[in-house]
């Protein structure tokens, strides 16, 4: 028995169902490129003694960290809701199965 999910929960279930096919290592590569570019800007600012480049490099890495924090906190809440709904559905199914077994064993 599959529980009823809202739109965000359906999105997350579909995302993780297709994760290996759709994302794979692409997200990791994108994050590594962002960190590498940020580090390059930071180093450029250091070697040219121009703080502007360092601020841009730090901003890129800070954006990446902030994006991870925001999406992580949002999706963790949704994942917890999905797990609770599945647990509830499993408990309901187990009770129904046990009731059926008890009814059939009494005959």
PDB file of N, CA and C in Angstrom:
ATOM      1  N   UNK A   1       0.840  -1.177   0.000  1.00  0.00           N
ATOM      2  CA  UNK A   1       0.000   0.000   0.000  1.00  0.00           C
ATOM      3  C   UNK A   1       0.889   1.246   0.000  1.00  0.00           C
ATOM      4  N   UNK A   2       0.645   2.095  -0.969  1.00  0.00           N
ATOM      5  CA  UNK A   2       1.443   3.321  -1.091  1.00  0.00           C
ATOM      6  C   UNK A   2       0.684   4.484  -0.471  1.00  0.00           C
ATOM      7  N   UNK A   3       1.338   5.231   0.405  1.00  0.00           N
ATOM      8  CA  UNK A   3       0.657   6.376   1.033  1.00  0.00           C
ATOM      9  C   UNK A   3       0.412   7.505   0.039  1.00  0.00           C
ATOM     10  N   UNK A   4      -0.465   8.418   0.427  1.00  0.00           N
ATOM     11  CA  UNK A   4      -0.745   9.612  -0.377  1.00  0.00           C
ATOM     12  C   UNK A   4       0.316  10.669  -0.072  1.00  0.00           C
ATOM     13  N   UNK A   5       0.907  11.223  -1.134  1.00  0.00           N
ATOM     14  CA  UNK A   5       1.936  12.237  -0.981  1.00  0.00           C
ATOM     15  C   UNK A   5       1.456  13.557  -1.568  1.00  0.00           C
ATOM     16  N   UNK A   6       1.965  14.663  -1.006  1.00  0.00           N
ATOM     17  CA  UNK A   6       1.695  15.963  -1.606  1.00  0.00           C
ATOM     18  C   UNK A   6       2.684  16.182  -2.759  1.00  0.00           C
ATOM     19  N   UNK A   7       2.613  17.334  -3.393  1.00  0.00           N
ATOM     20  CA  UNK A   7       3.415  17.602  -4.587  1.00  0.00           C
ATOM     21  C   UNK A   7       4.925  17.509  -4.314  1.00  0.00           C
ATOM     22  N   UNK A   8       5.395  18.137  -3.240  1.00  0.00           N
ATOM     23  CA  UNK A   8       6.826  18.120  -2.922  1.00  0.00           C
ATOM     24  C   UNK A   8       7.305  16.704  -2.628  1.00  0.00           C
ATOM     25  N   UNK A   9       6.498  15.929  -1.923  1.00  0.00           N
ATOM     26  CA  UNK A   9       6.875  14.551  -1.605  1.00  0.00           C
ATOM     27  C   UNK A   9       6.928  13.695  -2.867  1.00  0.00           C
ATOM     28  N   UNK A  10       5.951  13.866  -3.765  1.00  0.00           N
ATOM     29  CA  UNK A  10       5.955  13.140  -5.043  1.00  0.00           C
ATOM     30  C   UNK A  10       7.209  13.485  -5.845  1.00  0.00           C
ATOM     31  N   UNK A  11       7.572  14.770  -5.850  1.00  0.00           N
ATOM     32  CA  UNK A  11       8.760  15.207  -6.574  1.00  0.00           C
ATOM     33  C   UNK A  11      10.007  14.520  -6.030  1.00  0.00           C
ATOM     34  N   UNK A  12      10.138  14.483  -4.711  1.00  0.00           N
ATOM     35  CA  UNK A  12      11.319  13.893  -4.102  1.00  0.00           C
ATOM     36  C   UNK A  12      11.379  12.382  -4.318  1.00  0.00           C
ATOM     37  N   UNK A  13      10.237  11.706  -4.235  1.00  0.00           N
ATOM     38  CA  UNK A  13      10.195  10.259  -4.494  1.00  0.00           C
ATOM     39  C   UNK A  13      10.630   9.986  -5.933  1.00  0.00           C
ATOM     40  N   UNK A  14      10.099  10.748  -6.882  1.00  0.00           N
ATOM     41  CA  UNK A  14      10.465  10.570  -8.289  1.00  0.00           C
ATOM     42  C   UNK A  14      11.941  10.889  -8.516  1.00  0.00           C
ATOM     43  N   UNK A  15      12.432  11.922  -7.845  1.00  0.00           N
ATOM     44  CA  UNK A  15      13.845  12.304  -7.980  1.00  0.00           C
ATOM     45  C   UNK A  15      14.764  11.173  -7.540  1.00  0.00           C
ATOM     46  N   UNK A  16      14.500  10.591  -6.378  1.00  0.00           N
ATOM     47  CA  UNK A  16      15.369   9.532  -5.883  1.00  0.00           C
ATOM     48  C   UNK A  16      15.156   8.228  -6.629  1.00  0.00           C
ATOM     49  N   UNK A  17      13.976   8.032  -7.191  1.00  0.00           N
ATOM     50  CA  UNK A  17      13.727   6.836  -7.986  1.00  0.00           C
ATOM     51  C   UNK A  17      14.578   6.875  -9.250  1.00  0.00           C
ATOM     52  N   UNK A  18      14.761   8.063  -9.831  1.00  0.00           N
ATOM     53  CA  UNK A  18      15.511   8.223 -11.075  1.00  0.00           C
ATOM     54  C   UNK A  18      16.916   8.779 -10.849  1.00  0.00           C
ATOM     55  N   UNK A  19      17.391   8.800  -9.607  1.00  0.00           N
ATOM     56  CA  UNK A  19      18.641   9.479  -9.263  1.00  0.00           C
ATOM     57  C   UNK A  19      19.831   8.984 -10.082  1.00  0.00           C
ATOM     58  N   UNK A  20      20.034   7.692 -10.133  1.00  0.00           N
ATOM     59  CA  UNK A  20      21.211   7.166 -10.845  1.00  0.00           C
ATOM     60  C   UNK A  20      21.146   7.439 -12.342  1.00  0.00           C
ATOM     61  N   UNK A  21      19.949   7.399 -12.895  1.00  0.00           N
ATOM     62  CA  UNK A  21      19.810   7.634 -14.332  1.00  0.00           C
ATOM     63  C   UNK A  21      19.974   9.107 -14.672  1.00  0.00           C
ATOM     64  N   UNK A  22      19.390   9.973 -13.869  1.00  0.00           N
ATOM     65  CA  UNK A  22      19.336  11.380 -14.241  1.00  0.00           C
ATOM     66  C   UNK A  22      20.507  12.203 -13.729  1.00  0.00           C
ATOM     67  N   UNK A  23      20.965  11.932 -12.528  1.00  0.00           N
ATOM     68  CA  UNK A  23      21.965  12.819 -11.936  1.00  0.00           C
ATOM     69  C   UNK A  23      23.349  12.190 -11.950  1.00  0.00           C
ATOM     70  N   UNK A  24      23.466  11.033 -11.332  1.00  0.00           N
ATOM     71  CA  UNK A  24      24.764  10.382 -11.267  1.00  0.00           C
ATOM     72  C   UNK A  24      25.789  11.261 -10.603  1.00  0.00           C
ATOM     73  N   UNK A  25      26.909  11.476 -11.267  1.00  0.00           N
ATOM     74  CA  UNK A  25      27.968  12.290 -10.700  1.00  0.00           C
ATOM     75  C   UNK A  25      27.931  13.729 -11.168  1.00  0.00           C
ATOM     76  N   UNK A  26      26.897  14.081 -11.949  1.00  0.00           N
ATOM     77  CA  UNK A  26      26.830  15.423 -12.514  1.00  0.00           C
ATOM     78  C   UNK A  26      26.806  16.502 -11.439  1.00  0.00           C
ATOM     79  N   UNK A  27      26.043  16.295 -10.377  1.00  0.00           N
ATOM     80  CA  UNK A  27      25.949  17.309  -9.322  1.00  0.00           C
ATOM     81  C   UNK A  27      27.284  17.487  -8.623  1.00  0.00           C
ATOM     82  N   UNK A  28      27.957  16.399  -8.373  1.00  0.00           N
ATOM     83  CA  UNK A  28      29.262  16.471  -7.715  1.00  0.00           C
ATOM     84  C   UNK A  28      30.254  17.222  -8.601  1.00  0.00           C
ATOM     85  N   UNK A  29      30.229  16.932  -9.890  1.00  0.00           N
ATOM     86  CA  UNK A  29      31.139  17.613 -10.819  1.00  0.00           C
ATOM     87  C   UNK A  29      30.834  19.109 -10.871  1.00  0.00           C
ATOM     88  N   UNK A  30      29.545  19.470 -10.909  1.00  0.00           N
ATOM     89  CA  UNK A  30      29.175  20.881 -10.925  1.00  0.00           C
ATOM     90  C   UNK A  30      29.660  21.580  -9.656  1.00  0.00           C
ATOM     91  N   UNK A  31      29.501  20.939  -8.504  1.00  0.00           N
ATOM     92  CA  UNK A  31      29.960  21.535  -7.249  1.00  0.00           C
ATOM     93  C   UNK A  31      31.476  21.660  -7.219  1.00  0.00           C
ATOM     94  N   UNK A  32      32.181  20.644  -7.714  1.00  0.00           N
ATOM     95  CA  UNK A  32      33.637  20.712  -7.735  1.00  0.00           C
ATOM     96  C   UNK A  32      34.139  21.816  -8.670  1.00  0.00           C
ATOM     97  N   UNK A  33      33.473  21.979  -9.801  1.00  0.00           N
ATOM     98  CA  UNK A  33      33.857  23.056 -10.725  1.00  0.00           C
ATOM     99  C   UNK A  33      33.633  24.416 -10.069  1.00  0.00           C
ATOM    100  N   UNK A  34      32.510  24.565  -9.362  1.00  0.00           N
ATOM    101  CA  UNK A  34      32.235  25.839  -8.683  1.00  0.00           C
ATOM    102  C   UNK A  34      33.299  26.130  -7.631  1.00  0.00           C
ATOM    103  N   UNK A  35      33.682  25.109  -6.861  1.00  0.00           N
ATOM    104  CA  UNK A  35      34.719  25.286  -5.840  1.00  0.00           C
ATOM    105  C   UNK A  35      36.061  25.601  -6.498  1.00  0.00           C
ATOM    106  N   UNK A  36      36.381  24.917  -7.595  1.00  0.00           N
ATOM    107  CA  UNK A  36      37.653  25.167  -8.282  1.00  0.00           C
ATOM    108  C   UNK A  36      37.710  26.587  -8.846  1.00  0.00           C
ATOM    109  N   UNK A  37      36.618  27.040  -9.453  1.00  0.00           N
ATOM    110  CA  UNK A  37      36.590  28.399  -9.994  1.00  0.00           C
ATOM    111  C   UNK A  37      36.677  29.421  -8.857  1.00  0.00           C
ATOM    112  N   UNK A  38      35.967  29.161  -7.771  1.00  0.00           N
ATOM    113  CA  UNK A  38      36.032  30.053  -6.612  1.00  0.00           C
ATOM    114  C   UNK A  38      37.447  30.122  -6.040  1.00  0.00           C
ATOM    115  N   UNK A  39      38.097  28.956  -5.933  1.00  0.00           N
ATOM    116  CA  UNK A  39      39.473  28.930  -5.426  1.00  0.00           C
ATOM    117  C   UNK A  39      40.423  29.659  -6.381  1.00  0.00           C
ATOM    118  N   UNK A  40      40.183  29.503  -7.686  1.00  0.00           N
ATOM    119  CA  UNK A  40      41.032  30.197  -8.666  1.00  0.00           C
ATOM    120  C   UNK A  40      40.876  31.715  -8.544  1.00  0.00           C
ATOM    121  N   UNK A  41      39.637  32.183  -8.399  1.00  0.00           N
ATOM    122  CA  UNK A  41      39.420  33.626  -8.207  1.00  0.00           C
ATOM    123  C   UNK A  41      40.061  34.108  -6.911  1.00  0.00           C
ATOM    124  N   UNK A  42      39.928  33.302  -5.866  1.00  0.00           N
ATOM    125  CA  UNK A  42      40.524  33.676  -4.586  1.00  0.00           C
ATOM    126  C   UNK A  42      42.050  33.783  -4.718  1.00  0.00           C
ATOM    127  N   UNK A  43      42.654  32.791  -5.391  1.00  0.00           N
ATOM    128  CA  UNK A  43      44.109  32.806  -5.590  1.00  0.00           C
ATOM    129  C   UNK A  43      44.527  33.977  -6.469  1.00  0.00           C
ATOM    130  N   UNK A  44      43.742  34.262  -7.505  1.00  0.00           N
ATOM    131  CA  UNK A  44      44.040  35.390  -8.379  1.00  0.00           C
ATOM    132  C   UNK A  44      44.049  36.693  -7.582  1.00  0.00           C
ATOM    133  N   UNK A  45      43.080  36.851  -6.715  1.00  0.00           N
ATOM    134  CA  UNK A  45      43.029  38.045  -5.867  1.00  0.00           C
ATOM    135  C   UNK A  45      44.215  38.128  -4.938  1.00  0.00           C
ATOM    136  N   UNK A  46      44.655  36.976  -4.424  1.00  0.00           N
ATOM    137  CA  UNK A  46      45.803  36.949  -3.516  1.00  0.00           C
ATOM    138  C   UNK A  46      47.081  37.343  -4.255  1.00  0.00           C
ATOM    139  N   UNK A  47      47.315  36.742  -5.425  1.00  0.00           N
ATOM    140  CA  UNK A  47      48.554  37.002  -6.154  1.00  0.00           C
ATOM    141  C   UNK A  47      48.585  38.381  -6.805  1.00  0.00           C
ATOM    142  N   UNK A  48      47.456  38.916  -7.167  1.00  0.00           N
ATOM    143  CA  UNK A  48      47.409  40.254  -7.769  1.00  0.00           C
ATOM    144  C   UNK A  48      47.192  41.342  -6.722  1.00  0.00           C
ATOM    145  N   UNK A  49      47.071  40.942  -5.467  1.00  0.00           N
ATOM    146  CA  UNK A  49      46.811  41.875  -4.368  1.00  0.00           C
ATOM    147  C   UNK A  49      45.563  42.716  -4.626  1.00  0.00           C
ATOM    148  N   UNK A  50      44.547  42.075  -5.203  1.00  0.00           N
ATOM    149  CA  UNK A  50      43.275  42.742  -5.481  1.00  0.00           C
ATOM    150  C   UNK A  50      42.169  41.950  -4.785  1.00  0.00           C
ATOM    151  N   UNK A  51      41.647  42.546  -3.737  1.00  0.00           N
ATOM    152  CA  UNK A  51      40.681  41.845  -2.904  1.00  0.00           C
ATOM    153  C   UNK A  51      39.368  41.547  -3.644  1.00  0.00           C
ATOM    154  N   UNK A  52      39.099  42.269  -4.716  1.00  0.00           N
ATOM    155  CA  UNK A  52      37.855  42.062  -5.466  1.00  0.00           C
ATOM    156  C   UNK A  52      37.744  40.630  -5.967  1.00  0.00           C
ATOM    157  N   UNK A  53      38.823  40.111  -6.541  1.00  0.00           N
ATOM    158  CA  UNK A  53      38.805  38.727  -7.048  1.00  0.00           C
ATOM    159  C   UNK A  53      38.607  37.732  -5.910  1.00  0.00           C
ATOM    160  N   UNK A  54      39.230  37.995  -4.780  1.00  0.00           N
ATOM    161  CA  UNK A  54      39.071  37.095  -3.628  1.00  0.00           C
ATOM    162  C   UNK A  54      37.632  37.106  -3.118  1.00  0.00           C
ATOM    163  N   UNK A  55      37.010  38.265  -3.130  1.00  0.00           N
ATOM    164  CA  UNK A  55      35.611  38.367  -2.699  1.00  0.00           C
ATOM    165  C   UNK A  55      34.706  37.590  -3.654  1.00  0.00           C
ATOM    166  N   UNK A  56      34.977  37.686  -4.953  1.00  0.00           N
ATOM    167  CA  UNK A  56      34.190  36.933  -5.934  1.00  0.00           C
ATOM    168  C   UNK A  56      34.370  35.431  -5.711  1.00  0.00           C
ATOM    169  N   UNK A  57      35.591  34.995  -5.508  1.00  0.00           N
ATOM    170  CA  UNK A  57      35.857  33.573  -5.251  1.00  0.00           C
ATOM    171  C   UNK A  57      35.188  33.087  -3.981  1.00  0.00           C
ATOM    172  N   UNK A  58      35.284  33.882  -2.931  1.00  0.00           N
ATOM    173  CA  UNK A  58      34.633  33.518  -1.679  1.00  0.00           C
ATOM    174  C   UNK A  58      33.123  33.500  -1.854  1.00  0.00           C
ATOM    175  N   UNK A  59      32.599  34.451  -2.628  1.00  0.00           N
ATOM    176  CA  UNK A  59      31.159  34.508  -2.872  1.00  0.00           C
ATOM    177  C   UNK A  59      30.646  33.260  -3.578  1.00  0.00           C
ATOM    178  N   UNK A  60      31.394  32.747  -4.540  1.00  0.00           N
ATOM    179  CA  UNK A  60      30.991  31.522  -5.231  1.00  0.00           C
ATOM    180  C   UNK A  60      30.912  30.334  -4.274  1.00  0.00           C
ATOM    181  N   UNK A  61      31.936  30.188  -3.455  1.00  0.00           N
ATOM    182  CA  UNK A  61      31.955  29.065  -2.504  1.00  0.00           C
ATOM    183  C   UNK A  61      30.883  29.254  -1.430  1.00  0.00           C
ATOM    184  N   UNK A  62      30.691  30.492  -0.976  1.00  0.00           N
ATOM    185  CA  UNK A  62      29.652  30.763   0.023  1.00  0.00           C
ATOM    186  C   UNK A  62      28.266  30.493  -0.554  1.00  0.00           C
ATOM    187  N   UNK A  63      28.043  30.842  -1.825  1.00  0.00           N
ATOM    188  CA  UNK A  63      26.766  30.560  -2.488  1.00  0.00           C
ATOM    189  C   UNK A  63      26.503  29.062  -2.521  1.00  0.00           C
ATOM    190  N   UNK A  64      27.524  28.294  -2.859  1.00  0.00           N
ATOM    191  CA  UNK A  64      27.392  26.835  -2.916  1.00  0.00           C
ATOM    192  C   UNK A  64      27.024  26.274  -1.544  1.00  0.00           C
ATOM    193  N   UNK A  65      27.675  26.749  -0.510  1.00  0.00           N
ATOM    194  CA  UNK A  65      27.384  26.279   0.851  1.00  0.00           C
ATOM    195  C   UNK A  65      25.980  26.683   1.284  1.00  0.00           C
ATOM    196  N   UNK A  66      25.603  27.903   0.992  1.00  0.00           N
ATOM    197  CA  UNK A  66      24.269  28.388   1.363  1.00  0.00           C
ATOM    198  C   UNK A  66      23.171  27.615   0.624  1.00  0.00           C
ATOM    199  N   UNK A  67      23.395  27.358  -0.652  1.00  0.00           N
ATOM    200  CA  UNK A  67      22.431  26.581  -1.436  1.00  0.00           C
ATOM    201  C   UNK A  67      22.267  25.173  -0.851  1.00  0.00           C
ATOM    202  N   UNK A  68      23.363  24.568  -0.453  1.00  0.00           N
ATOM    203  CA  UNK A  68      23.303  23.249   0.164  1.00  0.00           C
ATOM    204  C   UNK A  68      22.561  23.261   1.490  1.00  0.00           C
ATOM    205  N   UNK A  69      22.790  24.283   2.285  1.00  0.00           N
ATOM    206  CA  UNK A  69      22.086  24.398   3.569  1.00  0.00           C
ATOM    207  C   UNK A  69      20.583  24.563   3.389  1.00  0.00           C
ATOM    208  N   UNK A  70      20.198  25.451   2.487  1.00  0.00           N
ATOM    209  CA  UNK A  70      18.777  25.727   2.277  1.00  0.00           C
ATOM    210  C   UNK A  70      18.066  24.510   1.710  1.00  0.00           C
ATOM    211  N   UNK A  71      18.606  23.937   0.648  1.00  0.00           N
ATOM    212  CA  UNK A  71      17.932  22.783   0.044  1.00  0.00           C
ATOM    213  C   UNK A  71      17.998  21.576   0.967  1.00  0.00           C
ATOM    214  N   UNK A  72      19.083  21.419   1.694  1.00  0.00           N
ATOM    215  CA  UNK A  72      19.192  20.303   2.629  1.00  0.00           C
ATOM    216  C   UNK A  72      18.165  20.370   3.737  1.00  0.00           C
ATOM    217  N   UNK A  73      17.985  21.545   4.310  1.00  0.00           N
ATOM    218  CA  UNK A  73      17.007  21.660   5.396  1.00  0.00           C
ATOM    219  C   UNK A  73      15.589  21.473   4.867  1.00  0.00           C
ATOM    220  N   UNK A  74      15.323  21.961   3.673  1.00  0.00           N
ATOM    221  CA  UNK A  74      13.984  21.795   3.092  1.00  0.00           C
ATOM    222  C   UNK A  74      13.704  20.324   2.777  1.00  0.00           C
ATOM    223  N   UNK A  75      14.639  19.666   2.106  1.00  0.00           N
ATOM    224  CA  UNK A  75      14.406  18.292   1.684  1.00  0.00           C
ATOM    225  C   UNK A  75      14.482  17.303   2.844  1.00  0.00           C
ATOM    226  N   UNK A  76      15.236  17.619   3.864  1.00  0.00           N
ATOM    227  CA  UNK A  76      15.255  16.734   5.042  1.00  0.00           C
ATOM    228  C   UNK A  76      13.881  16.670   5.694  1.00  0.00           C
ATOM    229  N   UNK A  77      13.205  17.801   5.759  1.00  0.00           N
ATOM    230  CA  UNK A  77      11.854  17.847   6.333  1.00  0.00           C
ATOM    231  C   UNK A  77      10.889  17.010   5.489  1.00  0.00           C
ATOM    232  N   UNK A  78      10.996  17.133   4.171  1.00  0.00           N
ATOM    233  CA  UNK A  78      10.114  16.390   3.278  1.00  0.00           C
ATOM    234  C   UNK A  78      10.415  14.896   3.346  1.00  0.00           C
ATOM    235  N   UNK A  79      11.699  14.528   3.398  1.00  0.00           N
ATOM    236  CA  UNK A  79      12.069  13.107   3.519  1.00  0.00           C
ATOM    237  C   UNK A  79      11.543  12.504   4.811  1.00  0.00           C
ATOM    238  N   UNK A  80      11.605  13.261   5.892  1.00  0.00           N
ATOM    239  CA  UNK A  80      11.068  12.763   7.166  1.00  0.00           C
ATOM    240  C   UNK A  80       9.575  12.502   7.052  1.00  0.00           C
ATOM    241  N   UNK A  81       8.863  13.368   6.354  1.00  0.00           N
ATOM    242  CA  UNK A  81       7.425  13.198   6.149  1.00  0.00           C
ATOM    243  C   UNK A  81       7.137  11.948   5.312  1.00  0.00           C
ATOM    244  N   UNK A  82       7.926  11.712   4.275  1.00  0.00           N
ATOM    245  CA  UNK A  82       7.758  10.528   3.435  1.00  0.00           C
ATOM    246  C   UNK A  82       7.967   9.259   4.255  1.00  0.00           C
ATOM    247  N   UNK A  83       9.014   9.247   5.065  1.00  0.00           N
ATOM    248  CA  UNK A  83       9.315   8.068   5.880  1.00  0.00           C
ATOM    249  C   UNK A  83       8.203   7.819   6.891  1.00  0.00           C
ATOM    250  N   UNK A  84       7.702   8.861   7.515  1.00  0.00           N
ATOM    251  CA  UNK A  84       6.594   8.706   8.466  1.00  0.00           C
ATOM    252  C   UNK A  84       5.363   8.118   7.790  1.00  0.00           C
ATOM    253  N   UNK A  85       5.067   8.581   6.583  1.00  0.00           N
ATOM    254  CA  UNK A  85       3.893   8.068   5.873  1.00  0.00           C
ATOM    255  C   UNK A  85       4.083   6.603   5.485  1.00  0.00           C
ATOM    256  N   UNK A  86       5.274   6.235   5.051  1.00  0.00           N
ATOM    257  CA  UNK A  86       5.531   4.833   4.721  1.00  0.00           C
ATOM    258  C   UNK A  86       5.463   3.952   5.967  1.00  0.00           C
ATOM    259  N   UNK A  87       6.027   4.430   7.069  1.00  0.00           N
ATOM    260  CA  UNK A  87       5.961   3.673   8.327  1.00  0.00           C
ATOM    261  C   UNK A  87       4.516   3.455   8.750  1.00  0.00           C
ATOM    262  N   UNK A  88       3.712   4.479   8.653  1.00  0.00           N
ATOM    263  CA  UNK A  88       2.300   4.369   9.013  1.00  0.00           C
ATOM    264  C   UNK A  88       1.590   3.371   8.102  1.00  0.00           C
ATOM    265  N   UNK A  89       1.878   3.436   6.797  1.00  0.00           N
ATOM    266  CA  UNK A  89       1.259   2.505   5.848  1.00  0.00           C
ATOM    267  C   UNK A  89       1.696   1.072   6.128  1.00  0.00           C
ATOM    268  N   UNK A  90       2.965   0.872   6.464  1.00  0.00           N
ATOM    269  CA  UNK A  90       3.458  -0.474   6.782  1.00  0.00           C
ATOM    270  C   UNK A  90       2.817  -1.017   8.053  1.00  0.00           C
ATOM    271  N   UNK A  91       2.661  -0.182   9.060  1.00  0.00           N
ATOM    272  CA  UNK A  91       2.014  -0.628  10.296  1.00  0.00           C
ATOM    273  C   UNK A  91       0.563  -0.995  10.047  1.00  0.00           C
ATOM    274  N   UNK A  92      -0.126  -0.206   9.242  1.00  0.00           N
ATOM    275  CA  UNK A  92      -1.516  -0.502   8.901  1.00  0.00           C
ATOM    276  C   UNK A  92      -1.596  -1.817   8.137  1.00  0.00           C
ATOM    277  N   UNK A  93      -0.696  -2.010   7.198  1.00  0.00           N
ATOM    278  CA  UNK A  93      -0.676  -3.246   6.410  1.00  0.00           C
ATOM    279  C   UNK A  93      -0.363  -4.450   7.289  1.00  0.00           C
ATOM    280  N   UNK A  94       0.573  -4.295   8.231  1.00  0.00           N
ATOM    281  CA  UNK A  94       0.910  -5.398   9.138  1.00  0.00           C
ATOM    282  C   UNK A  94      -0.266  -5.764  10.021  1.00  0.00           C
ATOM    283  N   UNK A  95      -1.012  -4.769  10.493  1.00  0.00           N
ATOM    284  CA  UNK A  95      -2.187  -5.040  11.323  1.00  0.00           C
ATOM    285  C   UNK A  95      -3.248  -5.782  10.523  1.00  0.00           C
ATOM    286  N   UNK A  96      -3.456  -5.369   9.272  1.00  0.00           N
ATOM    287  CA  UNK A  96      -4.439  -6.023   8.419  1.00  0.00           C
ATOM    288  C   UNK A  96      -4.026  -7.458   8.115  1.00  0.00           C
ATOM    289  N   UNK A  97      -2.746  -7.670   7.842  1.00  0.00           N
ATOM    290  CA  UNK A  97      -2.241  -9.012   7.557  1.00  0.00           C
ATOM    291  C   UNK A  97      -2.390  -9.905   8.781  1.00  0.00           C
ATOM    292  N   UNK A  98      -2.057  -9.380   9.951  1.00  0.00           N
ATOM    293  CA  UNK A  98      -2.179 -10.157  11.180  1.00  0.00           C
ATOM    294  C   UNK A  98      -3.641 -10.491  11.460  1.00  0.00           C
ATOM    295  N   UNK A  99      -4.533  -9.536  11.227  1.00  0.00           N
ATOM    296  CA  UNK A  99      -5.961  -9.784  11.438  1.00  0.00           C
ATOM    297  C   UNK A  99      -6.457 -10.865  10.484  1.00  0.00           C
ATOM    298  N   UNK A 100      -6.008 -10.850   9.238  1.00  0.00           N
ATOM    299  CA  UNK A 100      -6.388 -11.870   8.270  1.00  0.00           C
ATOM    300  C   UNK A 100      -5.848 -13.236   8.674  1.00  0.00           C
ATOM    301  N   UNK A 101      -4.613 -13.276   9.157  1.00  0.00           N
ATOM    302  CA  UNK A 101      -4.019 -14.543   9.602  1.00  0.00           C
ATOM    303  C   UNK A 101      -4.752 -15.091  10.812  1.00  0.00           C
ATOM    304  N   UNK A 102      -5.103 -14.216  11.734  1.00  0.00           N
ATOM    305  CA  UNK A 102      -5.849 -14.645  12.911  1.00  0.00           C
ATOM    306  C   UNK A 102      -7.232 -15.165  12.529  1.00  0.00           C
ATOM    307  N   UNK A 103      -7.891 -14.513  11.580  1.00  0.00           N
ATOM    308  CA  UNK A 103      -9.207 -14.929  11.129  1.00  0.00           C
ATOM    309  C   UNK A 103      -9.134 -16.259  10.422  1.00  0.00           C
ATOM    310  N   UNK A 104      -8.094 -16.485   9.600  1.00  0.00           N
ATOM    311  CA  UNK A 104      -7.977 -17.753   8.878  1.00  0.00           C
ATOM    312  C   UNK A 104      -7.543 -18.888   9.786  1.00  0.00           C
ATOM    313  N   UNK A 105      -6.805 -18.586  10.833  1.00  0.00           N
ATOM    314  CA  UNK A 105      -6.385 -19.645  11.752  1.00  0.00           C
ATOM    315  C   UNK A 105      -7.518 -20.086  12.683  1.00  0.00           C
ATOM    316  N   UNK A 106      -8.525 -19.262  12.865  1.00  0.00           N
ATOM    317  CA  UNK A 106      -9.665 -19.603  13.715  1.00  0.00           C
ATOM    318  C   UNK A 106     -10.618 -20.537  12.997  1.00  0.00           C
ATOM    319  N   UNK A 107     -10.534 -20.664  11.697  1.00  0.00           N
ATOM    320  CA  UNK A 107     -11.462 -21.523  10.940  1.00  0.00           C
ATOM    321  C   UNK A 107     -10.962 -22.915  10.929  1.00  0.00           C
TER     322      UNK A 107
END
